[in-house]
């Protein structure tokens, strides 16, 4: 799979030397969790990653998007970005972000709680007007609280890390069924990523496989994408990108599905060129 073209739809750029963590950061990555842009460029070369979507790490940098934006500016066209913003951000500022290569806004309910995002219809409307994605990260049953918002919004939705279901609760758990109910609405897309974020097991995360396959069946490969989650913040075990890629190939053995998820879907949704 190394030679297969691919787009990493979820990774972080973390460089506390050039971009120190804000004083109010809730988590300060260290050691192997530090991932400067130059290092990630080597990762791309090694694993055949042609493009990527850089996601602002909410816990580390919060609203300070400089590290991400500067990386976009230095590599025009190769990367896109998902930023973290206050709920009352103006349309003008969002438009400025979009002009710099930003494709969406991260709404991390898993970290900040769903209550923070229950009344953000104005923000969601602004995202919809600018054709920007609302990237939703939830865990366990949190999606249920946000479901009315997600159903009524016009914004396109990116569901982060497969919705991080409770891997011990089964496919019929209400929150996962609610996620599946969003399939087919034409504006919800899923990142088949972050298995270590919700699996109760060690690699190869066998308990996550039923959820991955159910999402693929419901949303189809045309609405699914892959991400590494590099450099693996708060990972429960040591992670390597090679094993992440191998695990993806083993979970999705169909070559056509893999090509669609790794390349065609994100290329279409984020406007990447070849």
C-alpha atoms as a PDB file:
ATOM      1  CA  UNK A   1       0.000   0.000   0.000  1.00  0.00           C
ATOM      2  CA  UNK A   2       2.980   2.320   0.263  1.00  0.00           C
ATOM      3  CA  UNK A   3       2.849   3.183  -3.429  1.00  0.00           C
ATOM      4  CA  UNK A   4      -0.903   3.776  -3.367  1.00  0.00           C
ATOM      5  CA  UNK A   5      -1.760   7.508  -3.471  1.00  0.00           C
ATOM      6  CA  UNK A   6      -3.280   8.665  -0.240  1.00  0.00           C
ATOM      7  CA  UNK A   7      -4.468  11.733   1.641  1.00  0.00           C
ATOM      8  CA  UNK A   8      -4.085  11.863   5.406  1.00  0.00           C
ATOM      9  CA  UNK A   9      -7.288  13.554   6.559  1.00  0.00           C
ATOM     10  CA  UNK A  10      -6.371  13.895  10.219  1.00  0.00           C
ATOM     11  CA  UNK A  11      -3.015  14.796  11.687  1.00  0.00           C
ATOM     12  CA  UNK A  12      -1.551  17.581  13.791  1.00  0.00           C
ATOM     13  CA  UNK A  13       1.431  19.884  13.475  1.00  0.00           C
ATOM     14  CA  UNK A  14       2.945  20.560  16.887  1.00  0.00           C
ATOM     15  CA  UNK A  15       6.076  22.647  17.279  1.00  0.00           C
ATOM     16  CA  UNK A  16       6.461  24.178  20.758  1.00  0.00           C
ATOM     17  CA  UNK A  17       9.894  25.563  19.910  1.00  0.00           C
ATOM     18  CA  UNK A  18       8.612  27.811  17.134  1.00  0.00           C
ATOM     19  CA  UNK A  19       5.059  28.061  18.485  1.00  0.00           C
ATOM     20  CA  UNK A  20       4.993  27.815  22.304  1.00  0.00           C
ATOM     21  CA  UNK A  21       1.856  26.483  23.923  1.00  0.00           C
ATOM     22  CA  UNK A  22      -0.540  29.139  25.234  1.00  0.00           C
ATOM     23  CA  UNK A  23      -0.568  29.616  28.984  1.00  0.00           C
ATOM     24  CA  UNK A  24      -4.132  28.272  29.178  1.00  0.00           C
ATOM     25  CA  UNK A  25      -3.512  25.089  27.154  1.00  0.00           C
ATOM     26  CA  UNK A  26      -5.080  22.052  28.797  1.00  0.00           C
ATOM     27  CA  UNK A  27      -2.444  19.627  27.509  1.00  0.00           C
ATOM     28  CA  UNK A  28       1.128  20.170  26.402  1.00  0.00           C
ATOM     29  CA  UNK A  29       2.401  17.401  24.108  1.00  0.00           C
ATOM     30  CA  UNK A  30       5.957  16.276  24.736  1.00  0.00           C
ATOM     31  CA  UNK A  31       8.470  13.718  23.517  1.00  0.00           C
ATOM     32  CA  UNK A  32       7.151  11.640  20.588  1.00  0.00           C
ATOM     33  CA  UNK A  33       3.932  13.696  20.552  1.00  0.00           C
ATOM     34  CA  UNK A  34       5.805  16.686  19.146  1.00  0.00           C
ATOM     35  CA  UNK A  35       5.452  16.795  15.365  1.00  0.00           C
ATOM     36  CA  UNK A  36       6.900  19.790  13.496  1.00  0.00           C
ATOM     37  CA  UNK A  37       5.877  20.375   9.898  1.00  0.00           C
ATOM     38  CA  UNK A  38       9.316  19.466   8.543  1.00  0.00           C
ATOM     39  CA  UNK A  39       9.157  16.086  10.272  1.00  0.00           C
ATOM     40  CA  UNK A  40       5.703  15.404   8.852  1.00  0.00           C
ATOM     41  CA  UNK A  41       6.985  16.149   5.351  1.00  0.00           C
ATOM     42  CA  UNK A  42       9.405  13.247   5.846  1.00  0.00           C
ATOM     43  CA  UNK A  43       6.510  11.084   7.000  1.00  0.00           C
ATOM     44  CA  UNK A  44       4.601  11.944   3.838  1.00  0.00           C
ATOM     45  CA  UNK A  45       7.545  10.988   1.684  1.00  0.00           C
ATOM     46  CA  UNK A  46       8.064   7.681   3.497  1.00  0.00           C
ATOM     47  CA  UNK A  47       4.444   6.544   3.329  1.00  0.00           C
ATOM     48  CA  UNK A  48       3.258   7.881  -0.006  1.00  0.00           C
ATOM     49  CA  UNK A  49       1.012  10.591   1.453  1.00  0.00           C
ATOM     50  CA  UNK A  50       0.507  13.246  -1.220  1.00  0.00           C
ATOM     51  CA  UNK A  51      -1.791  15.642   0.625  1.00  0.00           C
ATOM     52  CA  UNK A  52      -3.096  16.127   4.133  1.00  0.00           C
ATOM     53  CA  UNK A  53      -5.655  17.872   6.306  1.00  0.00           C
ATOM     54  CA  UNK A  54      -3.989  19.418   9.355  1.00  0.00           C
ATOM     55  CA  UNK A  55      -6.267  19.549  12.391  1.00  0.00           C
ATOM     56  CA  UNK A  56      -5.648  22.137  15.077  1.00  0.00           C
ATOM     57  CA  UNK A  57      -5.046  20.309  18.398  1.00  0.00           C
ATOM     58  CA  UNK A  58      -7.658  21.889  20.660  1.00  0.00           C
ATOM     59  CA  UNK A  59      -6.006  20.890  23.920  1.00  0.00           C
ATOM     60  CA  UNK A  60      -2.509  22.061  22.955  1.00  0.00           C
ATOM     61  CA  UNK A  61      -3.013  25.275  20.972  1.00  0.00           C
ATOM     62  CA  UNK A  62      -6.659  26.233  21.438  1.00  0.00           C
ATOM     63  CA  UNK A  63      -7.541  29.291  19.346  1.00  0.00           C
ATOM     64  CA  UNK A  64      -3.890  29.976  18.471  1.00  0.00           C
ATOM     65  CA  UNK A  65      -3.903  28.656  14.898  1.00  0.00           C
ATOM     66  CA  UNK A  66      -0.560  30.184  13.854  1.00  0.00           C
ATOM     67  CA  UNK A  67       1.367  26.926  13.614  1.00  0.00           C
ATOM     68  CA  UNK A  68      -1.272  25.435  11.322  1.00  0.00           C
ATOM     69  CA  UNK A  69      -1.733  28.555   9.192  1.00  0.00           C
ATOM     70  CA  UNK A  70       1.986  29.075   8.713  1.00  0.00           C
ATOM     71  CA  UNK A  71       2.327  25.468   7.557  1.00  0.00           C
ATOM     72  CA  UNK A  72      -0.440  26.034   5.013  1.00  0.00           C
ATOM     73  CA  UNK A  73       1.268  29.195   3.782  1.00  0.00           C
ATOM     74  CA  UNK A  74       4.588  27.437   3.254  1.00  0.00           C
ATOM     75  CA  UNK A  75       3.050  24.514   1.375  1.00  0.00           C
ATOM     76  CA  UNK A  76       0.314  26.035  -0.754  1.00  0.00           C
ATOM     77  CA  UNK A  77      -1.964  23.386  -2.221  1.00  0.00           C
ATOM     78  CA  UNK A  78      -0.408  20.412  -0.467  1.00  0.00           C
ATOM     79  CA  UNK A  79      -2.273  20.769   2.826  1.00  0.00           C
ATOM     80  CA  UNK A  80      -5.665  21.994   3.989  1.00  0.00           C
ATOM     81  CA  UNK A  81      -6.546  22.938   7.547  1.00  0.00           C
ATOM     82  CA  UNK A  82      -9.222  22.601  10.218  1.00  0.00           C
ATOM     83  CA  UNK A  83      -9.009  25.381  12.810  1.00  0.00           C
ATOM     84  CA  UNK A  84     -10.347  25.932  16.315  1.00  0.00           C
ATOM     85  CA  UNK A  85     -12.367  29.121  16.778  1.00  0.00           C
ATOM     86  CA  UNK A  86     -14.699  30.751  19.311  1.00  0.00           C
ATOM     87  CA  UNK A  87     -18.378  30.093  18.720  1.00  0.00           C
ATOM     88  CA  UNK A  88     -19.033  33.772  17.985  1.00  0.00           C
ATOM     89  CA  UNK A  89     -16.404  34.119  15.249  1.00  0.00           C
ATOM     90  CA  UNK A  90     -17.434  36.458  12.440  1.00  0.00           C
ATOM     91  CA  UNK A  91     -18.099  35.446   8.859  1.00  0.00           C
ATOM     92  CA  UNK A  92     -15.339  37.823   7.782  1.00  0.00           C
ATOM     93  CA  UNK A  93     -12.718  36.043   9.891  1.00  0.00           C
ATOM     94  CA  UNK A  94     -13.905  32.645   8.691  1.00  0.00           C
ATOM     95  CA  UNK A  95     -13.595  33.860   5.105  1.00  0.00           C
ATOM     96  CA  UNK A  96     -10.035  34.977   5.813  1.00  0.00           C
ATOM     97  CA  UNK A  97      -9.228  31.524   7.153  1.00  0.00           C
ATOM     98  CA  UNK A  98     -10.764  29.908   4.075  1.00  0.00           C
ATOM     99  CA  UNK A  99      -8.604  32.057   1.804  1.00  0.00           C
ATOM    100  CA  UNK A 100      -5.555  30.633   3.588  1.00  0.00           C
ATOM    101  CA  UNK A 101      -6.519  27.019   2.899  1.00  0.00           C
ATOM    102  CA  UNK A 102      -8.827  26.242   5.804  1.00  0.00           C
ATOM    103  CA  UNK A 103     -11.667  23.846   4.987  1.00  0.00           C
ATOM    104  CA  UNK A 104     -13.393  23.535   8.345  1.00  0.00           C
ATOM    105  CA  UNK A 105     -13.745  24.226  12.042  1.00  0.00           C
ATOM    106  CA  UNK A 106     -13.147  21.655  14.788  1.00  0.00           C
ATOM    107  CA  UNK A 107     -15.879  21.267  17.401  1.00  0.00           C
ATOM    108  CA  UNK A 108     -14.354  18.999  20.042  1.00  0.00           C
ATOM    109  CA  UNK A 109     -17.181  17.947  22.317  1.00  0.00           C
ATOM    110  CA  UNK A 110     -15.131  14.967  23.500  1.00  0.00           C
ATOM    111  CA  UNK A 111     -12.753  17.411  25.182  1.00  0.00           C
ATOM    112  CA  UNK A 112     -14.941  20.420  25.935  1.00  0.00           C
ATOM    113  CA  UNK A 113     -18.321  18.756  26.468  1.00  0.00           C
ATOM    114  CA  UNK A 114     -21.378  18.830  24.174  1.00  0.00           C
ATOM    115  CA  UNK A 115     -23.004  21.627  26.173  1.00  0.00           C
ATOM    116  CA  UNK A 116     -20.554  24.072  24.625  1.00  0.00           C
ATOM    117  CA  UNK A 117     -22.011  23.404  21.185  1.00  0.00           C
ATOM    118  CA  UNK A 118     -25.743  23.033  21.766  1.00  0.00           C
ATOM    119  CA  UNK A 119     -26.628  26.577  20.659  1.00  0.00           C
ATOM    120  CA  UNK A 120     -24.285  27.328  17.776  1.00  0.00           C
ATOM    121  CA  UNK A 121     -26.799  27.646  14.949  1.00  0.00           C
ATOM    122  CA  UNK A 122     -25.327  31.013  13.971  1.00  0.00           C
ATOM    123  CA  UNK A 123     -21.848  29.524  13.667  1.00  0.00           C
ATOM    124  CA  UNK A 124     -23.148  26.534  11.721  1.00  0.00           C
ATOM    125  CA  UNK A 125     -24.984  28.865   9.365  1.00  0.00           C
ATOM    126  CA  UNK A 126     -21.824  30.853   8.747  1.00  0.00           C
ATOM    127  CA  UNK A 127     -19.927  27.648   7.998  1.00  0.00           C
ATOM    128  CA  UNK A 128     -22.635  26.568   5.571  1.00  0.00           C
ATOM    129  CA  UNK A 129     -22.617  29.927   3.798  1.00  0.00           C
ATOM    130  CA  UNK A 130     -18.849  29.635   3.264  1.00  0.00           C
ATOM    131  CA  UNK A 131     -18.973  25.928   2.335  1.00  0.00           C
ATOM    132  CA  UNK A 132     -16.789  25.053   5.329  1.00  0.00           C
ATOM    133  CA  UNK A 133     -17.076  21.809   7.267  1.00  0.00           C
ATOM    134  CA  UNK A 134     -18.072  21.453  10.896  1.00  0.00           C
ATOM    135  CA  UNK A 135     -15.775  18.733  12.200  1.00  0.00           C
ATOM    136  CA  UNK A 136     -17.473  17.005  15.110  1.00  0.00           C
ATOM    137  CA  UNK A 137     -15.562  14.979  17.681  1.00  0.00           C
ATOM    138  CA  UNK A 138     -17.697  13.159  20.228  1.00  0.00           C
ATOM    139  CA  UNK A 139     -17.266  10.056  22.342  1.00  0.00           C
ATOM    140  CA  UNK A 140     -19.513   7.415  23.880  1.00  0.00           C
ATOM    141  CA  UNK A 141     -23.090   8.787  23.905  1.00  0.00           C
ATOM    142  CA  UNK A 142     -22.316  12.496  23.368  1.00  0.00           C
ATOM    143  CA  UNK A 143     -23.669  12.489  19.814  1.00  0.00           C
ATOM    144  CA  UNK A 144     -27.187  12.139  21.183  1.00  0.00           C
ATOM    145  CA  UNK A 145     -27.030  15.603  22.749  1.00  0.00           C
ATOM    146  CA  UNK A 146     -25.842  17.156  19.491  1.00  0.00           C
ATOM    147  CA  UNK A 147     -28.114  15.192  17.155  1.00  0.00           C
ATOM    148  CA  UNK A 148     -30.881  17.852  16.899  1.00  0.00           C
ATOM    149  CA  UNK A 149     -28.277  20.439  15.891  1.00  0.00           C
ATOM    150  CA  UNK A 150     -26.686  18.119  13.345  1.00  0.00           C
ATOM    151  CA  UNK A 151     -30.063  17.259  11.856  1.00  0.00           C
ATOM    152  CA  UNK A 152     -31.235  20.835  11.406  1.00  0.00           C
ATOM    153  CA  UNK A 153     -28.013  22.481  10.250  1.00  0.00           C
ATOM    154  CA  UNK A 154     -27.179  23.209   6.618  1.00  0.00           C
ATOM    155  CA  UNK A 155     -23.473  22.801   7.270  1.00  0.00           C
ATOM    156  CA  UNK A 156     -21.500  19.892   5.917  1.00  0.00           C
ATOM    157  CA  UNK A 157     -20.346  17.620   8.722  1.00  0.00           C
ATOM    158  CA  UNK A 158     -17.129  15.697   9.277  1.00  0.00           C
ATOM    159  CA  UNK A 159     -17.506  13.055  11.956  1.00  0.00           C
ATOM    160  CA  UNK A 160     -14.126  12.653  13.593  1.00  0.00           C
ATOM    161  CA  UNK A 161     -12.580   9.318  14.616  1.00  0.00           C
ATOM    162  CA  UNK A 162     -15.613   7.225  13.635  1.00  0.00           C
ATOM    163  CA  UNK A 163     -17.710   8.970  16.287  1.00  0.00           C
ATOM    164  CA  UNK A 164     -15.647   7.298  19.049  1.00  0.00           C
ATOM    165  CA  UNK A 165     -18.388   4.866  20.080  1.00  0.00           C
ATOM    166  CA  UNK A 166     -18.263   2.847  23.279  1.00  0.00           C
ATOM    167  CA  UNK A 167     -16.586  -0.235  21.834  1.00  0.00           C
ATOM    168  CA  UNK A 168     -18.025  -2.403  24.608  1.00  0.00           C
ATOM    169  CA  UNK A 169     -21.656  -1.371  24.032  1.00  0.00           C
ATOM    170  CA  UNK A 170     -22.321  -2.966  20.638  1.00  0.00           C
ATOM    171  CA  UNK A 171     -23.552  -1.703  17.301  1.00  0.00           C
ATOM    172  CA  UNK A 172     -27.071  -1.083  18.588  1.00  0.00           C
ATOM    173  CA  UNK A 173     -26.007   1.519  21.149  1.00  0.00           C
ATOM    174  CA  UNK A 174     -28.203   4.605  20.599  1.00  0.00           C
ATOM    175  CA  UNK A 175     -25.405   7.058  19.832  1.00  0.00           C
ATOM    176  CA  UNK A 176     -23.895   4.857  17.139  1.00  0.00           C
ATOM    177  CA  UNK A 177     -27.304   4.251  15.598  1.00  0.00           C
ATOM    178  CA  UNK A 178     -27.831   8.022  15.625  1.00  0.00           C
ATOM    179  CA  UNK A 179     -24.572   8.420  13.724  1.00  0.00           C
ATOM    180  CA  UNK A 180     -25.661   5.852  11.152  1.00  0.00           C
ATOM    181  CA  UNK A 181     -28.948   7.751  10.744  1.00  0.00           C
ATOM    182  CA  UNK A 182     -26.988  10.690   9.309  1.00  0.00           C
ATOM    183  CA  UNK A 183     -25.819   8.589   6.374  1.00  0.00           C
ATOM    184  CA  UNK A 184     -27.447   9.467   3.084  1.00  0.00           C
ATOM    185  CA  UNK A 185     -28.273  13.084   3.914  1.00  0.00           C
ATOM    186  CA  UNK A 186     -25.642  14.224   1.420  1.00  0.00           C
ATOM    187  CA  UNK A 187     -23.707  16.396   3.857  1.00  0.00           C
ATOM    188  CA  UNK A 188     -22.231  14.037   6.452  1.00  0.00           C
ATOM    189  CA  UNK A 189     -18.849  12.378   6.005  1.00  0.00           C
ATOM    190  CA  UNK A 190     -16.862  10.103   8.306  1.00  0.00           C
ATOM    191  CA  UNK A 191     -13.191   9.840   9.163  1.00  0.00           C
ATOM    192  CA  UNK A 192     -12.303   6.179   9.621  1.00  0.00           C
ATOM    193  CA  UNK A 193      -9.528   7.116  12.005  1.00  0.00           C
ATOM    194  CA  UNK A 194      -8.499   7.171  15.638  1.00  0.00           C
ATOM    195  CA  UNK A 195      -9.223   3.530  16.453  1.00  0.00           C
ATOM    196  CA  UNK A 196      -6.959   3.746  19.480  1.00  0.00           C
ATOM    197  CA  UNK A 197      -9.156   6.575  20.758  1.00  0.00           C
ATOM    198  CA  UNK A 198     -12.125   4.274  21.364  1.00  0.00           C
ATOM    199  CA  UNK A 199     -10.928   0.677  21.231  1.00  0.00           C
ATOM    200  CA  UNK A 200     -10.734  -1.136  24.558  1.00  0.00           C
ATOM    201  CA  UNK A 201      -8.031  -3.410  23.152  1.00  0.00           C
ATOM    202  CA  UNK A 202      -4.450  -3.084  22.002  1.00  0.00           C
ATOM    203  CA  UNK A 203      -3.360  -3.216  18.372  1.00  0.00           C
ATOM    204  CA  UNK A 204      -4.899  -4.349  16.010  1.00  0.00           C
ATOM    205  CA  UNK A 205      -8.028  -3.008  17.792  1.00  0.00           C
ATOM    206  CA  UNK A 206     -10.251  -5.921  16.818  1.00  0.00           C
ATOM    207  CA  UNK A 207     -13.192  -4.578  18.826  1.00  0.00           C
ATOM    208  CA  UNK A 208     -13.255  -1.473  16.605  1.00  0.00           C
ATOM    209  CA  UNK A 209     -13.607  -3.420  13.363  1.00  0.00           C
ATOM    210  CA  UNK A 210     -17.406  -3.964  13.517  1.00  0.00           C
ATOM    211  CA  UNK A 211     -17.920  -0.215  13.886  1.00  0.00           C
ATOM    212  CA  UNK A 212     -15.581   0.579  11.008  1.00  0.00           C
ATOM    213  CA  UNK A 213     -17.360  -1.877   8.732  1.00  0.00           C
ATOM    214  CA  UNK A 214     -20.810  -0.650   9.768  1.00  0.00           C
ATOM    215  CA  UNK A 215     -19.816   2.928   8.963  1.00  0.00           C
ATOM    216  CA  UNK A 216     -18.475   1.912   5.576  1.00  0.00           C
ATOM    217  CA  UNK A 217     -21.667   0.031   4.785  1.00  0.00           C
ATOM    218  CA  UNK A 218     -23.927   2.896   5.847  1.00  0.00           C
ATOM    219  CA  UNK A 219     -21.981   5.837   4.430  1.00  0.00           C
ATOM    220  CA  UNK A 220     -20.241   4.033   1.518  1.00  0.00           C
ATOM    221  CA  UNK A 221     -16.638   4.632   0.522  1.00  0.00           C
ATOM    222  CA  UNK A 222     -17.703   7.772  -1.368  1.00  0.00           C
ATOM    223  CA  UNK A 223     -18.365   9.463   1.976  1.00  0.00           C
ATOM    224  CA  UNK A 224     -15.535   8.020   4.078  1.00  0.00           C
ATOM    225  CA  UNK A 225     -11.902   9.050   4.454  1.00  0.00           C
ATOM    226  CA  UNK A 226      -8.799   7.947   6.336  1.00  0.00           C
ATOM    227  CA  UNK A 227      -6.528   9.723   8.792  1.00  0.00           C
ATOM    228  CA  UNK A 228      -3.420   8.797  10.736  1.00  0.00           C
ATOM    229  CA  UNK A 229      -3.996  10.878  13.898  1.00  0.00           C
ATOM    230  CA  UNK A 230      -0.212  11.485  13.849  1.00  0.00           C
ATOM    231  CA  UNK A 231       1.655  12.238  16.140  1.00  0.00           C
ATOM    232  CA  UNK A 232      -0.777  10.257  18.285  1.00  0.00           C
ATOM    233  CA  UNK A 233      -1.582  12.577  21.170  1.00  0.00           C
ATOM    234  CA  UNK A 234      -2.561  10.851  24.397  1.00  0.00           C
ATOM    235  CA  UNK A 235      -2.299   7.432  22.751  1.00  0.00           C
ATOM    236  CA  UNK A 236      -2.931   4.543  25.114  1.00  0.00           C
ATOM    237  CA  UNK A 237      -0.012   2.632  23.611  1.00  0.00           C
ATOM    238  CA  UNK A 238       2.968   3.329  21.388  1.00  0.00           C
ATOM    239  CA  UNK A 239       1.763   3.982  17.847  1.00  0.00           C
ATOM    240  CA  UNK A 240       3.589   3.964  14.531  1.00  0.00           C
ATOM    241  CA  UNK A 241       2.223   5.181  11.239  1.00  0.00           C
ATOM    242  CA  UNK A 242       3.247   1.985   9.476  1.00  0.00           C
ATOM    243  CA  UNK A 243       1.060  -0.114  11.755  1.00  0.00           C
ATOM    244  CA  UNK A 244      -1.836   2.324  11.323  1.00  0.00           C
ATOM    245  CA  UNK A 245      -1.629   1.881   7.565  1.00  0.00           C
ATOM    246  CA  UNK A 246      -1.285  -1.893   7.840  1.00  0.00           C
ATOM    247  CA  UNK A 247      -4.308  -2.030  10.124  1.00  0.00           C
ATOM    248  CA  UNK A 248      -6.357  -0.028   7.644  1.00  0.00           C
ATOM    249  CA  UNK A 249      -5.450  -2.430   4.839  1.00  0.00           C
ATOM    250  CA  UNK A 250      -6.410  -5.447   6.927  1.00  0.00           C
ATOM    251  CA  UNK A 251      -9.751  -3.961   7.943  1.00  0.00           C
ATOM    252  CA  UNK A 252     -10.620  -2.932   4.384  1.00  0.00           C
ATOM    253  CA  UNK A 253      -9.230  -5.584   2.023  1.00  0.00           C
ATOM    254  CA  UNK A 254     -11.241  -4.415  -1.000  1.00  0.00           C
ATOM    255  CA  UNK A 255      -8.802  -2.502  -3.216  1.00  0.00           C
ATOM    256  CA  UNK A 256     -11.512  -0.334  -4.773  1.00  0.00           C
ATOM    257  CA  UNK A 257     -12.824   0.762  -1.373  1.00  0.00           C
ATOM    258  CA  UNK A 258      -9.314   1.525  -0.171  1.00  0.00           C
ATOM    259  CA  UNK A 259      -8.545   3.687  -3.181  1.00  0.00           C
ATOM    260  CA  UNK A 260     -11.812   5.566  -2.774  1.00  0.00           C
ATOM    261  CA  UNK A 261     -11.271   6.188   0.956  1.00  0.00           C
ATOM    262  CA  UNK A 262      -7.567   6.985   0.741  1.00  0.00           C
ATOM    263  CA  UNK A 263      -7.688   9.169  -2.348  1.00  0.00           C
ATOM    264  CA  UNK A 264     -10.834   9.834  -4.356  1.00  0.00           C
ATOM    265  CA  UNK A 265     -13.176  10.880  -1.548  1.00  0.00           C
ATOM    266  CA  UNK A 266     -10.861  13.386   0.188  1.00  0.00           C
ATOM    267  CA  UNK A 267      -9.555  14.645  -3.150  1.00  0.00           C
ATOM    268  CA  UNK A 268     -13.135  15.497  -4.138  1.00  0.00           C
ATOM    269  CA  UNK A 269     -14.328  16.851  -0.801  1.00  0.00           C
ATOM    270  CA  UNK A 270     -11.330  19.061  -0.051  1.00  0.00           C
ATOM    271  CA  UNK A 271     -10.461  20.175  -3.573  1.00  0.00           C
ATOM    272  CA  UNK A 272      -6.999  18.688  -3.831  1.00  0.00           C
ATOM    273  CA  UNK A 273      -5.336  18.383  -7.221  1.00  0.00           C
ATOM    274  CA  UNK A 274      -3.390  15.292  -8.234  1.00  0.00           C
END
